[in-house]
Amino acid sequence: MRDPLLSPEELAEGLAELDDWHLSEDSLKLSKRFRFSDFRQAFGFMTECALYAEKLDHHPEWSNVYSRVDVTLTTHDAGGLTVRDIKLARAMDAAAAPRG
């Protein structure tokens, strides 16, 4: 079943609880660059997030170069941002915190 898109108010509320995520100009995607001390920390972050994403059945667009992880979130089958994007962004912030 397709998740409903967030209303502008719900999106603003969700963004307010996130740390340094950026909304695309068309308001369909969230993105963030995470930086870690080394590749091991970055890969550990990605592993933890991948396990959570699998539980949500929601998977990020991401790339990794050494200590950097670039993430973009959107719910493709809904055509924009849903509650699953906010949940995954929140979990990613939490996973990055002890590695920062």
C-alpha atoms as a PDB file:
ATOM      1  CA  MET A   1       0.000   0.000   0.000  1.00  0.00           C
ATOM      2  CA  ARG A   2       1.245   3.420  -0.902  1.00  0.00           C
ATOM      3  CA  ASP A   3       2.083   5.834   1.906  1.00  0.00           C
ATOM      4  CA  PRO A   4       0.340   9.207   1.744  1.00  0.00           C
ATOM      5  CA  LEU A   5       2.513  12.202   0.977  1.00  0.00           C
ATOM      6  CA  LEU A   6       3.229  14.549   3.863  1.00  0.00           C
ATOM      7  CA  SER A   7       1.270  17.779   3.853  1.00  0.00           C
ATOM      8  CA  PRO A   8       3.347  20.992   3.902  1.00  0.00           C
ATOM      9  CA  GLU A   9       2.551  21.320   7.623  1.00  0.00           C
ATOM     10  CA  GLU A  10       3.566  17.721   8.382  1.00  0.00           C
ATOM     11  CA  LEU A  11       6.756  18.171   6.388  1.00  0.00           C
ATOM     12  CA  ALA A  12       7.663  21.367   8.258  1.00  0.00           C
ATOM     13  CA  GLU A  13       7.012  19.606  11.567  1.00  0.00           C
ATOM     14  CA  GLY A  14       9.165  16.642  10.521  1.00  0.00           C
ATOM     15  CA  LEU A  15      12.018  18.854   9.343  1.00  0.00           C
ATOM     16  CA  ALA A  16      11.981  20.760  12.624  1.00  0.00           C
ATOM     17  CA  GLU A  17      12.939  17.594  14.497  1.00  0.00           C
ATOM     18  CA  LEU A  18      15.809  16.696  12.138  1.00  0.00           C
ATOM     19  CA  ASP A  19      19.400  17.895  12.264  1.00  0.00           C
ATOM     20  CA  ASP A  20      20.711  19.667   9.142  1.00  0.00           C
ATOM     21  CA  TRP A  21      18.618  17.877   6.507  1.00  0.00           C
ATOM     22  CA  HIS A  22      17.919  19.832   3.314  1.00  0.00           C
ATOM     23  CA  LEU A  23      14.689  19.870   1.366  1.00  0.00           C
ATOM     24  CA  SER A  24      14.958  19.839  -2.428  1.00  0.00           C
ATOM     25  CA  GLU A  25      13.561  22.808  -4.337  1.00  0.00           C
ATOM     26  CA  ASP A  26      10.554  20.747  -5.459  1.00  0.00           C
ATOM     27  CA  SER A  27       9.988  19.519  -1.849  1.00  0.00           C
ATOM     28  CA  LEU A  28      10.127  15.877  -2.990  1.00  0.00           C
ATOM     29  CA  LYS A  29      13.442  14.820  -1.416  1.00  0.00           C
ATOM     30  CA  LEU A  30      15.488  15.226   1.750  1.00  0.00           C
ATOM     31  CA  SER A  31      19.265  15.109   1.669  1.00  0.00           C
ATOM     32  CA  LYS A  32      22.167  15.256   4.059  1.00  0.00           C
ATOM     33  CA  ARG A  33      25.921  14.776   4.020  1.00  0.00           C
ATOM     34  CA  PHE A  34      27.291  12.836   6.980  1.00  0.00           C
ATOM     35  CA  ARG A  35      30.999  13.037   7.829  1.00  0.00           C
ATOM     36  CA  PHE A  36      32.870  10.597  10.028  1.00  0.00           C
ATOM     37  CA  SER A  37      36.421  10.221  11.269  1.00  0.00           C
ATOM     38  CA  ASP A  38      37.249   7.372   8.894  1.00  0.00           C
ATOM     39  CA  PHE A  39      35.870   4.722   6.549  1.00  0.00           C
ATOM     40  CA  ARG A  40      35.189   2.272   9.371  1.00  0.00           C
ATOM     41  CA  GLN A  41      32.870   4.732  11.124  1.00  0.00           C
ATOM     42  CA  ALA A  42      31.114   5.591   7.856  1.00  0.00           C
ATOM     43  CA  PHE A  43      30.612   1.947   6.947  1.00  0.00           C
ATOM     44  CA  GLY A  44      29.361   1.128  10.457  1.00  0.00           C
ATOM     45  CA  PHE A  45      26.823   3.930  10.117  1.00  0.00           C
ATOM     46  CA  MET A  46      25.671   2.594   6.755  1.00  0.00           C
ATOM     47  CA  THR A  47      25.357  -0.935   8.123  1.00  0.00           C
ATOM     48  CA  GLU A  48      23.246   0.184  11.080  1.00  0.00           C
ATOM     49  CA  CYS A  49      21.048   2.323   8.835  1.00  0.00           C
ATOM     50  CA  ALA A  50      20.647  -0.465   6.272  1.00  0.00           C
ATOM     51  CA  LEU A  51      19.260  -2.794   8.932  1.00  0.00           C
ATOM     52  CA  TYR A  52      16.757  -0.173  10.084  1.00  0.00           C
ATOM     53  CA  ALA A  53      15.805   0.707   6.497  1.00  0.00           C
ATOM     54  CA  GLU A  54      15.098  -2.952   5.797  1.00  0.00           C
ATOM     55  CA  LYS A  55      12.739  -3.096   8.804  1.00  0.00           C
ATOM     56  CA  LEU A  56      10.926  -0.025   7.460  1.00  0.00           C
ATOM     57  CA  ASP A  57      10.933  -1.490   3.937  1.00  0.00           C
ATOM     58  CA  HIS A  58      12.315   1.871   2.883  1.00  0.00           C
ATOM     59  CA  HIS A  59      15.735   2.286   1.348  1.00  0.00           C
ATOM     60  CA  PRO A  60      17.894   5.378   0.905  1.00  0.00           C
ATOM     61  CA  GLU A  61      19.710   6.588  -2.143  1.00  0.00           C
ATOM     62  CA  TRP A  62      23.232   6.944  -0.823  1.00  0.00           C
ATOM     63  CA  SER A  63      26.889   6.952  -1.678  1.00  0.00           C
ATOM     64  CA  ASN A  64      30.065   6.613   0.333  1.00  0.00           C
ATOM     65  CA  VAL A  65      33.531   7.998  -0.261  1.00  0.00           C
ATOM     66  CA  TYR A  66      35.936   7.178   2.558  1.00  0.00           C
ATOM     67  CA  SER A  67      34.544   9.064   5.588  1.00  0.00           C
ATOM     68  CA  ARG A  68      31.622  10.753   3.832  1.00  0.00           C
ATOM     69  CA  VAL A  69      28.106   9.392   3.284  1.00  0.00           C
ATOM     70  CA  ASP A  70      25.683  11.364   1.101  1.00  0.00           C
ATOM     71  CA  VAL A  71      22.033  10.445   1.573  1.00  0.00           C
ATOM     72  CA  THR A  72      18.875  11.305  -0.333  1.00  0.00           C
ATOM     73  CA  LEU A  73      15.472  10.177   0.906  1.00  0.00           C
ATOM     74  CA  THR A  74      12.174  10.029  -0.958  1.00  0.00           C
ATOM     75  CA  THR A  75       9.364   7.508  -1.215  1.00  0.00           C
ATOM     76  CA  HIS A  76       9.502   6.583  -4.881  1.00  0.00           C
ATOM     77  CA  ASP A  77       6.166   4.785  -5.100  1.00  0.00           C
ATOM     78  CA  ALA A  78       4.393   7.734  -3.444  1.00  0.00           C
ATOM     79  CA  GLY A  79       6.154  10.317  -5.586  1.00  0.00           C
ATOM     80  CA  GLY A  80       7.573  12.362  -2.715  1.00  0.00           C
ATOM     81  CA  LEU A  81       8.106  12.507   1.028  1.00  0.00           C
ATOM     82  CA  THR A  82       6.197  10.357   3.500  1.00  0.00           C
ATOM     83  CA  VAL A  83       6.411   9.533   7.181  1.00  0.00           C
ATOM     84  CA  ARG A  84       8.893   6.741   6.353  1.00  0.00           C
ATOM     85  CA  ASP A  85      11.380   9.339   5.092  1.00  0.00           C
ATOM     86  CA  ILE A  86      11.158  11.262   8.359  1.00  0.00           C
ATOM     87  CA  LYS A  87      11.515   8.054  10.394  1.00  0.00           C
ATOM     88  CA  LEU A  88      14.579   6.976   8.438  1.00  0.00           C
ATOM     89  CA  ALA A  89      16.157  10.447   8.641  1.00  0.00           C
ATOM     90  CA  ARG A  90      15.593  10.485  12.402  1.00  0.00           C
ATOM     91  CA  ALA A  91      17.180   7.021  12.730  1.00  0.00           C
ATOM     92  CA  MET A  92      20.147   8.109  10.614  1.00  0.00           C
ATOM     93  CA  ASP A  93      20.739  11.132  12.825  1.00  0.00           C
ATOM     94  CA  ALA A  94      20.642   8.853  15.877  1.00  0.00           C
ATOM     95  CA  ALA A  95      23.042   6.356  14.267  1.00  0.00           C
ATOM     96  CA  ALA A  96      25.494   9.124  13.342  1.00  0.00           C
ATOM     97  CA  ALA A  97      25.532  10.777  16.773  1.00  0.00           C
ATOM     98  CA  PRO A  98      27.872   8.359  18.606  1.00  0.00           C
ATOM     99  CA  ARG A  99      30.154   8.162  15.565  1.00  0.00           C
ATOM    100  CA  GLY A 100      30.410  11.927  15.036  1.00  0.00           C
END
